[in-house]
């Protein structure tokens, strides 16, 4: 029963993030919405989603900013709308995530390398309870995402020696 509570809290946190992408919120604010400490919330959010809540917030801001840039909004205004402190900070984050600058992205008019953002409904459907070992996998996966070395879950499970446990768990 407790697992369902965590699931619902993560759904609430994602809904809060989606509703406040242009607001000045932090992981602490998101955690307060779930009535957990920042530490506990971060740990549980990573267990359920495989992502750090701060990284998830930044990812969603960048994805929505990209849409607005394609729609013709000024890049500087978009940067400030999505709470980036400067145009340079926005450009660095944008390039790290999409592999191109906002200017080139706007000029080319193409979708980002990461592809279209799944709908919020899809994000919520993807929430799932995982055993405690997922914290380790989430950290490793987050590090690999950060350095743009995307890997499949199957590869990640295999590399960390959990493929057998995962397969056994699903068969039970």
N, C-alpha and C. Protein backbone atom coordinates (compact mmCIF):
# COMPACT_ATOMS: atom_id res chain seq x y z
N UNK A 1 0.82 -1.19 0.00
CA UNK A 1 0.00 0.00 0.00
C UNK A 1 0.86 1.25 0.00
N UNK A 2 1.98 1.19 0.67
CA UNK A 2 2.87 2.34 0.73
C UNK A 2 3.43 2.67 -0.66
N UNK A 3 3.65 1.67 -1.50
CA UNK A 3 4.17 1.90 -2.84
C UNK A 3 3.21 2.78 -3.64
N UNK A 4 1.92 2.56 -3.49
CA UNK A 4 0.93 3.35 -4.21
C UNK A 4 1.02 4.80 -3.76
N UNK A 5 1.27 5.04 -2.49
CA UNK A 5 1.42 6.40 -1.99
C UNK A 5 2.59 7.10 -2.69
N UNK A 6 3.72 6.42 -2.83
CA UNK A 6 4.87 7.00 -3.52
C UNK A 6 4.54 7.28 -4.98
N UNK A 7 3.83 6.36 -5.59
CA UNK A 7 3.42 6.52 -6.98
C UNK A 7 2.56 7.78 -7.13
N UNK A 8 1.59 7.93 -6.25
CA UNK A 8 0.72 9.11 -6.31
C UNK A 8 1.48 10.40 -6.03
N UNK A 9 2.43 10.33 -5.11
CA UNK A 9 3.24 11.52 -4.80
C UNK A 9 4.09 11.92 -6.02
N UNK A 10 4.63 10.93 -6.73
CA UNK A 10 5.42 11.23 -7.93
C UNK A 10 4.52 11.81 -9.01
N UNK A 11 3.31 11.30 -9.15
CA UNK A 11 2.36 11.86 -10.12
C UNK A 11 2.04 13.32 -9.76
N UNK A 12 1.87 13.57 -8.50
CA UNK A 12 1.58 14.93 -8.04
C UNK A 12 2.78 15.84 -8.32
N UNK A 13 3.98 15.34 -8.08
CA UNK A 13 5.18 16.13 -8.33
C UNK A 13 5.32 16.47 -9.81
N UNK A 14 5.08 15.50 -10.68
CA UNK A 14 5.17 15.76 -12.12
C UNK A 14 4.12 16.76 -12.55
N UNK A 15 2.91 16.63 -12.03
CA UNK A 15 1.85 17.59 -12.36
C UNK A 15 2.24 18.99 -11.88
N UNK A 16 2.82 19.10 -10.70
CA UNK A 16 3.28 20.39 -10.18
C UNK A 16 4.35 20.99 -11.09
N UNK A 17 5.29 20.16 -11.52
CA UNK A 17 6.34 20.64 -12.43
C UNK A 17 5.72 21.14 -13.72
N UNK A 18 4.84 20.35 -14.30
CA UNK A 18 4.22 20.74 -15.57
C UNK A 18 3.44 22.04 -15.45
N UNK A 19 2.78 22.24 -14.32
CA UNK A 19 1.99 23.45 -14.12
C UNK A 19 2.83 24.68 -13.83
N UNK A 20 4.10 24.48 -13.49
CA UNK A 20 4.94 25.60 -13.04
C UNK A 20 6.26 25.71 -13.79
N UNK A 21 6.31 25.28 -15.03
CA UNK A 21 7.56 25.32 -15.78
C UNK A 21 8.14 26.73 -15.91
N UNK A 22 7.27 27.72 -15.96
CA UNK A 22 7.74 29.10 -16.11
C UNK A 22 7.85 29.84 -14.78
N UNK A 23 7.62 29.12 -13.69
CA UNK A 23 7.71 29.74 -12.37
C UNK A 23 9.08 29.45 -11.76
N UNK A 24 9.43 30.23 -10.76
CA UNK A 24 10.70 30.06 -10.07
C UNK A 24 10.54 28.99 -8.99
N UNK A 25 10.61 27.72 -9.42
CA UNK A 25 10.49 26.61 -8.48
C UNK A 25 11.80 25.85 -8.42
N UNK A 26 11.97 25.12 -7.34
CA UNK A 26 13.18 24.31 -7.14
C UNK A 26 12.75 22.91 -6.69
N UNK A 27 13.71 22.04 -6.55
CA UNK A 27 13.42 20.70 -6.06
C UNK A 27 12.81 20.78 -4.67
N UNK A 28 13.26 21.73 -3.87
CA UNK A 28 12.70 21.90 -2.53
C UNK A 28 11.20 22.22 -2.60
N UNK A 29 10.81 23.10 -3.53
CA UNK A 29 9.40 23.44 -3.70
C UNK A 29 8.59 22.21 -4.13
N UNK A 30 9.15 21.44 -5.03
CA UNK A 30 8.46 20.25 -5.52
C UNK A 30 8.29 19.24 -4.38
N UNK A 31 9.34 19.06 -3.60
CA UNK A 31 9.29 18.13 -2.46
C UNK A 31 8.23 18.58 -1.45
N UNK A 32 8.13 19.89 -1.23
CA UNK A 32 7.13 20.40 -0.29
C UNK A 32 5.72 20.07 -0.74
N UNK A 33 5.50 20.00 -2.05
CA UNK A 33 4.18 19.63 -2.59
C UNK A 33 3.82 18.20 -2.23
N UNK A 34 4.82 17.36 -2.04
CA UNK A 34 4.57 15.95 -1.72
C UNK A 34 4.64 15.68 -0.22
N UNK A 35 4.97 16.71 0.56
CA UNK A 35 5.08 16.61 2.02
C UNK A 35 6.21 15.69 2.46
N UNK A 36 7.27 15.62 1.66
CA UNK A 36 8.47 14.87 2.00
C UNK A 36 9.64 15.82 2.10
N UNK A 37 10.69 15.37 2.78
CA UNK A 37 11.92 16.16 2.79
C UNK A 37 12.52 16.12 1.38
N UNK A 38 13.37 17.09 1.09
CA UNK A 38 14.00 17.14 -0.22
C UNK A 38 14.78 15.85 -0.49
N UNK A 39 15.53 15.41 0.51
CA UNK A 39 16.33 14.19 0.34
C UNK A 39 15.44 12.98 0.04
N UNK A 40 14.42 12.76 0.86
CA UNK A 40 13.54 11.60 0.70
C UNK A 40 12.81 11.67 -0.64
N UNK A 41 12.30 12.85 -0.97
CA UNK A 41 11.59 13.02 -2.23
C UNK A 41 12.51 12.70 -3.42
N UNK A 42 13.73 13.24 -3.40
CA UNK A 42 14.67 13.01 -4.51
C UNK A 42 14.95 11.53 -4.68
N UNK A 43 15.17 10.85 -3.58
CA UNK A 43 15.46 9.41 -3.63
C UNK A 43 14.28 8.63 -4.21
N UNK A 44 13.08 8.91 -3.74
CA UNK A 44 11.90 8.18 -4.22
C UNK A 44 11.57 8.54 -5.67
N UNK A 45 11.74 9.81 -6.03
CA UNK A 45 11.48 10.23 -7.41
C UNK A 45 12.41 9.49 -8.36
N UNK A 46 13.67 9.37 -7.98
CA UNK A 46 14.63 8.64 -8.82
C UNK A 46 14.29 7.16 -8.90
N UNK A 47 13.83 6.58 -7.81
CA UNK A 47 13.45 5.17 -7.82
C UNK A 47 12.28 4.93 -8.77
N UNK A 48 11.34 5.86 -8.82
CA UNK A 48 10.15 5.68 -9.62
C UNK A 48 10.32 6.07 -11.08
N UNK A 49 11.14 7.07 -11.35
CA UNK A 49 11.26 7.59 -12.72
C UNK A 49 12.60 7.32 -13.35
N UNK A 50 13.62 7.04 -12.53
CA UNK A 50 14.96 6.87 -13.06
C UNK A 50 15.65 8.20 -13.33
N UNK A 51 15.02 9.30 -12.94
CA UNK A 51 15.58 10.63 -13.18
C UNK A 51 15.62 11.45 -11.89
N UNK A 52 16.61 12.30 -11.80
CA UNK A 52 16.72 13.26 -10.71
C UNK A 52 15.65 14.34 -10.94
N UNK A 53 14.91 14.78 -9.91
CA UNK A 53 13.85 15.77 -10.14
C UNK A 53 14.36 17.09 -10.71
N UNK A 54 15.55 17.51 -10.31
CA UNK A 54 16.11 18.74 -10.88
C UNK A 54 16.41 18.59 -12.35
N UNK A 55 16.96 17.45 -12.73
CA UNK A 55 17.25 17.18 -14.14
C UNK A 55 15.96 17.07 -14.93
N UNK A 56 14.93 16.47 -14.33
CA UNK A 56 13.64 16.36 -15.01
C UNK A 56 13.04 17.75 -15.25
N UNK A 57 13.11 18.61 -14.25
CA UNK A 57 12.60 19.98 -14.39
C UNK A 57 13.34 20.71 -15.51
N UNK A 58 14.66 20.61 -15.53
CA UNK A 58 15.47 21.28 -16.55
C UNK A 58 15.13 20.73 -17.94
N UNK A 59 15.01 19.41 -18.03
CA UNK A 59 14.67 18.76 -19.31
C UNK A 59 13.34 19.27 -19.85
N UNK A 60 12.34 19.34 -18.98
CA UNK A 60 11.01 19.78 -19.43
C UNK A 60 11.03 21.26 -19.83
N UNK A 61 11.77 22.07 -19.10
CA UNK A 61 11.88 23.49 -19.47
C UNK A 61 12.53 23.63 -20.84
N UNK A 62 13.58 22.88 -21.08
CA UNK A 62 14.26 22.95 -22.38
C UNK A 62 13.36 22.47 -23.51
N UNK A 63 12.61 21.40 -23.28
CA UNK A 63 11.72 20.88 -24.31
C UNK A 63 10.63 21.89 -24.66
N UNK A 64 10.06 22.51 -23.66
CA UNK A 64 9.01 23.51 -23.92
C UNK A 64 9.61 24.77 -24.55
N UNK A 65 10.81 25.15 -24.12
CA UNK A 65 11.48 26.31 -24.71
C UNK A 65 11.74 26.07 -26.19
N UNK A 66 12.14 24.86 -26.54
CA UNK A 66 12.41 24.52 -27.94
C UNK A 66 11.15 24.70 -28.79
N UNK A 67 10.02 24.31 -28.25
CA UNK A 67 8.75 24.48 -28.98
C UNK A 67 8.47 25.95 -29.23
N UNK A 68 8.70 26.78 -28.22
CA UNK A 68 8.43 28.20 -28.36
C UNK A 68 9.40 28.87 -29.33
N UNK A 69 10.63 28.40 -29.36
CA UNK A 69 11.61 28.94 -30.30
C UNK A 69 11.16 28.63 -31.73
N UNK A 70 10.71 27.42 -31.96
CA UNK A 70 10.21 27.06 -33.30
C UNK A 70 8.96 27.84 -33.67
N UNK A 71 8.19 28.22 -32.67
CA UNK A 71 6.97 28.99 -32.92
C UNK A 71 7.29 30.46 -33.22
N UNK A 72 8.58 30.85 -33.11
CA UNK A 72 8.97 32.21 -33.49
C UNK A 72 9.26 33.16 -32.35
N UNK A 73 9.20 32.72 -31.13
CA UNK A 73 9.50 33.61 -30.01
C UNK A 73 10.99 33.95 -29.98
N UNK A 74 11.31 35.10 -29.45
CA UNK A 74 12.69 35.52 -29.30
C UNK A 74 13.41 34.62 -28.30
N UNK A 75 14.61 34.22 -28.65
CA UNK A 75 15.37 33.28 -27.82
C UNK A 75 15.64 33.85 -26.43
N UNK A 76 16.02 35.11 -26.37
CA UNK A 76 16.30 35.72 -25.06
C UNK A 76 15.07 35.71 -24.17
N UNK A 77 13.91 36.04 -24.74
CA UNK A 77 12.68 36.05 -23.95
C UNK A 77 12.33 34.64 -23.48
N UNK A 78 12.51 33.66 -24.35
CA UNK A 78 12.23 32.27 -23.98
C UNK A 78 13.15 31.83 -22.83
N UNK A 79 14.42 32.22 -22.92
CA UNK A 79 15.38 31.88 -21.88
C UNK A 79 14.92 32.41 -20.53
N UNK A 80 14.49 33.66 -20.50
CA UNK A 80 14.05 34.25 -19.24
C UNK A 80 12.70 33.69 -18.79
N UNK A 81 11.80 33.41 -19.76
CA UNK A 81 10.50 32.82 -19.42
C UNK A 81 10.66 31.48 -18.69
N UNK A 82 11.65 30.71 -19.11
CA UNK A 82 11.86 29.39 -18.52
C UNK A 82 12.92 29.39 -17.43
N UNK A 83 13.15 30.56 -16.85
CA UNK A 83 13.92 30.75 -15.62
C UNK A 83 15.42 30.47 -15.75
N UNK A 84 15.97 30.68 -16.93
CA UNK A 84 17.41 30.61 -17.07
C UNK A 84 17.96 32.00 -16.73
N UNK A 85 19.05 32.04 -15.98
CA UNK A 85 19.59 33.30 -15.49
C UNK A 85 20.16 34.21 -16.54
N UNK A 86 20.59 33.63 -17.66
CA UNK A 86 21.16 34.43 -18.74
C UNK A 86 20.99 33.69 -20.05
N UNK A 87 21.21 34.41 -21.13
CA UNK A 87 21.13 33.79 -22.45
C UNK A 87 22.26 32.76 -22.60
N UNK A 88 23.43 33.06 -22.03
CA UNK A 88 24.55 32.14 -22.11
C UNK A 88 24.25 30.83 -21.39
N UNK A 89 23.66 30.93 -20.21
CA UNK A 89 23.31 29.72 -19.45
C UNK A 89 22.28 28.89 -20.24
N UNK A 90 21.32 29.56 -20.84
CA UNK A 90 20.31 28.88 -21.64
C UNK A 90 20.95 28.18 -22.84
N UNK A 91 21.83 28.90 -23.53
CA UNK A 91 22.48 28.34 -24.71
C UNK A 91 23.32 27.12 -24.35
N UNK A 92 24.06 27.19 -23.24
CA UNK A 92 24.86 26.05 -22.79
C UNK A 92 23.97 24.83 -22.50
N UNK A 93 22.90 25.05 -21.75
CA UNK A 93 21.99 23.95 -21.41
C UNK A 93 21.31 23.39 -22.65
N UNK A 94 20.88 24.28 -23.52
CA UNK A 94 20.20 23.87 -24.75
C UNK A 94 21.12 23.01 -25.61
N UNK A 95 22.35 23.47 -25.78
CA UNK A 95 23.31 22.73 -26.60
C UNK A 95 23.67 21.39 -25.96
N UNK A 96 23.82 21.37 -24.65
CA UNK A 96 24.14 20.12 -23.97
C UNK A 96 23.02 19.10 -24.14
N UNK A 97 21.78 19.57 -24.14
CA UNK A 97 20.64 18.65 -24.23
C UNK A 97 20.31 18.26 -25.67
N UNK A 98 20.29 19.25 -26.58
CA UNK A 98 19.86 19.00 -27.95
C UNK A 98 21.00 18.81 -28.95
N UNK A 99 22.22 19.18 -28.56
CA UNK A 99 23.35 19.02 -29.47
C UNK A 99 23.49 20.14 -30.48
N UNK A 100 22.75 21.20 -30.31
CA UNK A 100 22.82 22.36 -31.19
C UNK A 100 22.46 23.60 -30.39
N UNK A 101 22.82 24.76 -30.90
CA UNK A 101 22.46 25.99 -30.21
C UNK A 101 21.02 26.37 -30.53
N UNK A 102 20.40 27.20 -29.70
CA UNK A 102 19.04 27.62 -29.99
C UNK A 102 18.94 28.36 -31.33
N UNK A 103 19.99 29.11 -31.69
CA UNK A 103 19.97 29.85 -32.95
C UNK A 103 19.96 28.93 -34.16
N UNK A 104 20.84 27.92 -34.14
CA UNK A 104 20.86 26.97 -35.24
C UNK A 104 19.57 26.16 -35.30
N UNK A 105 19.07 25.83 -34.14
CA UNK A 105 17.81 25.10 -34.06
C UNK A 105 16.68 25.91 -34.69
N UNK A 106 16.63 27.20 -34.38
CA UNK A 106 15.59 28.07 -34.93
C UNK A 106 15.77 28.24 -36.44
N UNK A 107 17.02 28.42 -36.89
CA UNK A 107 17.29 28.60 -38.32
C UNK A 107 16.94 27.37 -39.13
N UNK A 108 17.31 26.19 -38.61
CA UNK A 108 17.05 24.95 -39.33
C UNK A 108 15.58 24.56 -39.26
N UNK A 109 14.93 24.95 -38.16
CA UNK A 109 13.52 24.62 -38.01
C UNK A 109 13.26 23.14 -37.86
N UNK A 110 14.23 22.42 -37.32
CA UNK A 110 14.07 20.99 -37.17
C UNK A 110 13.81 20.63 -35.72
N UNK A 111 13.34 19.43 -35.54
CA UNK A 111 13.10 18.95 -34.18
C UNK A 111 14.43 18.63 -33.52
N UNK A 112 14.48 18.71 -32.21
CA UNK A 112 15.70 18.38 -31.48
C UNK A 112 16.10 16.92 -31.67
N UNK A 113 17.38 16.66 -31.47
CA UNK A 113 17.90 15.31 -31.62
C UNK A 113 17.21 14.33 -30.67
N UNK A 114 16.77 14.82 -29.50
CA UNK A 114 16.14 13.95 -28.52
C UNK A 114 14.75 13.52 -28.95
N UNK A 115 14.17 14.16 -29.94
CA UNK A 115 12.84 13.81 -30.40
C UNK A 115 11.78 14.54 -29.60
N UNK A 116 10.55 14.29 -29.97
CA UNK A 116 9.43 14.98 -29.33
C UNK A 116 9.25 14.50 -27.89
N UNK A 117 8.82 15.41 -27.05
CA UNK A 117 8.57 15.09 -25.65
C UNK A 117 7.31 14.23 -25.55
N UNK A 118 7.39 13.15 -24.81
CA UNK A 118 6.17 12.38 -24.60
C UNK A 118 5.16 13.19 -23.80
N UNK A 119 3.91 12.93 -24.03
CA UNK A 119 2.90 13.68 -23.31
C UNK A 119 3.01 13.44 -21.82
N UNK A 120 2.41 14.36 -21.06
CA UNK A 120 2.44 14.20 -19.60
C UNK A 120 1.78 12.88 -19.21
N UNK A 121 0.73 12.51 -19.94
CA UNK A 121 0.06 11.25 -19.64
C UNK A 121 1.04 10.09 -19.78
N UNK A 122 1.87 10.13 -20.82
CA UNK A 122 2.85 9.07 -21.02
C UNK A 122 3.88 9.07 -19.89
N UNK A 123 4.32 10.25 -19.46
CA UNK A 123 5.26 10.34 -18.34
C UNK A 123 4.65 9.70 -17.09
N UNK A 124 3.39 9.98 -16.85
CA UNK A 124 2.73 9.44 -15.66
C UNK A 124 2.53 7.93 -15.78
N UNK A 125 2.25 7.44 -17.00
CA UNK A 125 2.10 6.01 -17.19
C UNK A 125 3.41 5.27 -16.97
N UNK A 126 4.53 5.95 -17.23
CA UNK A 126 5.84 5.31 -17.10
C UNK A 126 6.30 5.20 -15.65
N UNK A 127 5.62 5.86 -14.73
CA UNK A 127 6.01 5.73 -13.33
C UNK A 127 5.77 4.30 -12.88
N UNK A 128 6.73 3.77 -12.18
CA UNK A 128 6.60 2.41 -11.70
C UNK A 128 7.46 2.23 -10.47
N UNK A 129 7.04 1.35 -9.61
CA UNK A 129 7.84 1.06 -8.42
C UNK A 129 8.92 0.08 -8.82
N UNK A 130 10.12 0.35 -8.39
CA UNK A 130 11.24 -0.53 -8.66
C UNK A 130 11.91 -0.87 -7.34
N UNK A 131 12.60 -1.97 -7.30
CA UNK A 131 13.31 -2.37 -6.10
C UNK A 131 14.41 -1.37 -5.77
N UNK A 132 15.01 -1.50 -4.60
CA UNK A 132 16.00 -0.54 -4.13
C UNK A 132 17.21 -0.41 -5.03
N UNK A 133 17.54 -1.44 -5.80
CA UNK A 133 18.72 -1.35 -6.65
C UNK A 133 18.57 -0.32 -7.74
N UNK A 134 17.36 0.13 -8.02
CA UNK A 134 17.16 1.09 -9.10
C UNK A 134 17.83 2.43 -8.80
N UNK A 135 18.03 2.76 -7.53
CA UNK A 135 18.72 4.00 -7.20
C UNK A 135 20.12 3.99 -7.82
N UNK A 136 20.79 2.86 -7.69
CA UNK A 136 22.12 2.71 -8.29
C UNK A 136 22.02 2.86 -9.81
N UNK A 137 21.07 2.18 -10.42
CA UNK A 137 20.92 2.25 -11.87
C UNK A 137 20.50 3.64 -12.31
N UNK A 138 19.63 4.28 -11.54
CA UNK A 138 19.21 5.64 -11.88
C UNK A 138 20.37 6.61 -11.86
N UNK A 139 21.24 6.49 -10.87
CA UNK A 139 22.42 7.36 -10.78
C UNK A 139 23.33 7.13 -11.97
N UNK A 140 23.60 5.86 -12.27
CA UNK A 140 24.46 5.54 -13.40
C UNK A 140 23.83 6.01 -14.71
N UNK A 141 22.55 5.76 -14.86
CA UNK A 141 21.85 6.20 -16.07
C UNK A 141 21.85 7.70 -16.22
N UNK A 142 21.65 8.41 -15.11
CA UNK A 142 21.68 9.88 -15.14
C UNK A 142 23.03 10.41 -15.54
N UNK A 143 24.09 9.79 -15.03
CA UNK A 143 25.45 10.20 -15.40
C UNK A 143 25.69 9.97 -16.89
N UNK A 144 25.26 8.83 -17.39
CA UNK A 144 25.44 8.54 -18.81
C UNK A 144 24.62 9.49 -19.68
N UNK A 145 23.40 9.83 -19.24
CA UNK A 145 22.59 10.81 -19.97
C UNK A 145 23.28 12.16 -20.00
N UNK A 146 23.87 12.55 -18.87
CA UNK A 146 24.53 13.85 -18.76
C UNK A 146 25.68 13.98 -19.75
N UNK A 147 26.42 12.91 -19.96
CA UNK A 147 27.54 12.97 -20.89
C UNK A 147 27.13 12.51 -22.29
N UNK A 148 25.83 12.46 -22.53
CA UNK A 148 25.26 12.13 -23.83
C UNK A 148 25.67 10.74 -24.31
N UNK A 149 25.65 9.80 -23.40
CA UNK A 149 25.92 8.40 -23.73
C UNK A 149 24.67 7.60 -23.41
N UNK A 150 23.61 7.87 -24.13
CA UNK A 150 22.35 7.19 -23.88
C UNK A 150 22.49 5.69 -24.07
N UNK A 151 21.95 4.94 -23.16
CA UNK A 151 22.00 3.48 -23.24
C UNK A 151 20.60 2.94 -22.95
N UNK A 152 20.35 1.75 -23.43
CA UNK A 152 19.05 1.12 -23.18
C UNK A 152 19.03 0.57 -21.75
N UNK A 153 17.84 0.36 -21.24
CA UNK A 153 17.71 -0.24 -19.91
C UNK A 153 18.34 -1.63 -19.89
N UNK A 154 18.17 -2.38 -20.99
CA UNK A 154 18.74 -3.73 -21.04
C UNK A 154 20.26 -3.68 -20.90
N UNK A 155 20.89 -2.74 -21.59
CA UNK A 155 22.34 -2.60 -21.48
C UNK A 155 22.73 -2.22 -20.06
N UNK A 156 22.00 -1.26 -19.51
CA UNK A 156 22.31 -0.79 -18.16
C UNK A 156 22.17 -1.92 -17.14
N UNK A 157 21.09 -2.70 -17.23
CA UNK A 157 20.90 -3.81 -16.31
C UNK A 157 22.01 -4.84 -16.48
N UNK A 158 22.37 -5.14 -17.72
CA UNK A 158 23.40 -6.13 -17.99
C UNK A 158 24.76 -5.70 -17.48
N UNK A 159 25.12 -4.45 -17.73
CA UNK A 159 26.43 -3.95 -17.31
C UNK A 159 26.56 -3.96 -15.81
N UNK A 160 25.50 -3.68 -15.10
CA UNK A 160 25.59 -3.60 -13.65
C UNK A 160 25.34 -4.95 -12.98
N UNK A 161 25.14 -5.99 -13.77
CA UNK A 161 25.00 -7.32 -13.20
C UNK A 161 23.62 -7.62 -12.66
N UNK A 162 22.62 -6.85 -13.07
CA UNK A 162 21.28 -7.07 -12.54
C UNK A 162 20.34 -7.74 -13.55
N UNK A 163 20.86 -8.10 -14.71
CA UNK A 163 20.00 -8.72 -15.72
C UNK A 163 19.33 -9.98 -15.19
N UNK A 164 20.09 -10.81 -14.50
CA UNK A 164 19.55 -12.04 -13.96
C UNK A 164 18.44 -11.75 -12.95
N UNK A 165 18.69 -10.82 -12.04
CA UNK A 165 17.69 -10.47 -11.03
C UNK A 165 16.43 -9.91 -11.66
N UNK A 166 16.60 -9.07 -12.65
CA UNK A 166 15.44 -8.48 -13.33
C UNK A 166 14.62 -9.56 -14.00
N UNK A 167 15.28 -10.47 -14.72
CA UNK A 167 14.56 -11.54 -15.40
C UNK A 167 13.89 -12.46 -14.42
N UNK A 168 14.53 -12.76 -13.32
CA UNK A 168 13.92 -13.62 -12.29
C UNK A 168 12.72 -12.92 -11.66
N UNK A 169 12.85 -11.62 -11.41
CA UNK A 169 11.77 -10.87 -10.78
C UNK A 169 10.53 -10.81 -11.64
N UNK A 170 10.70 -10.72 -12.93
CA UNK A 170 9.55 -10.62 -13.83
C UNK A 170 8.87 -11.97 -14.00
N UNK A 171 9.61 -13.06 -13.80
CA UNK A 171 9.02 -14.38 -13.95
C UNK A 171 8.28 -14.86 -12.72
N UNK A 172 8.45 -14.15 -11.61
CA UNK A 172 7.83 -14.59 -10.35
C UNK A 172 6.42 -14.07 -10.24
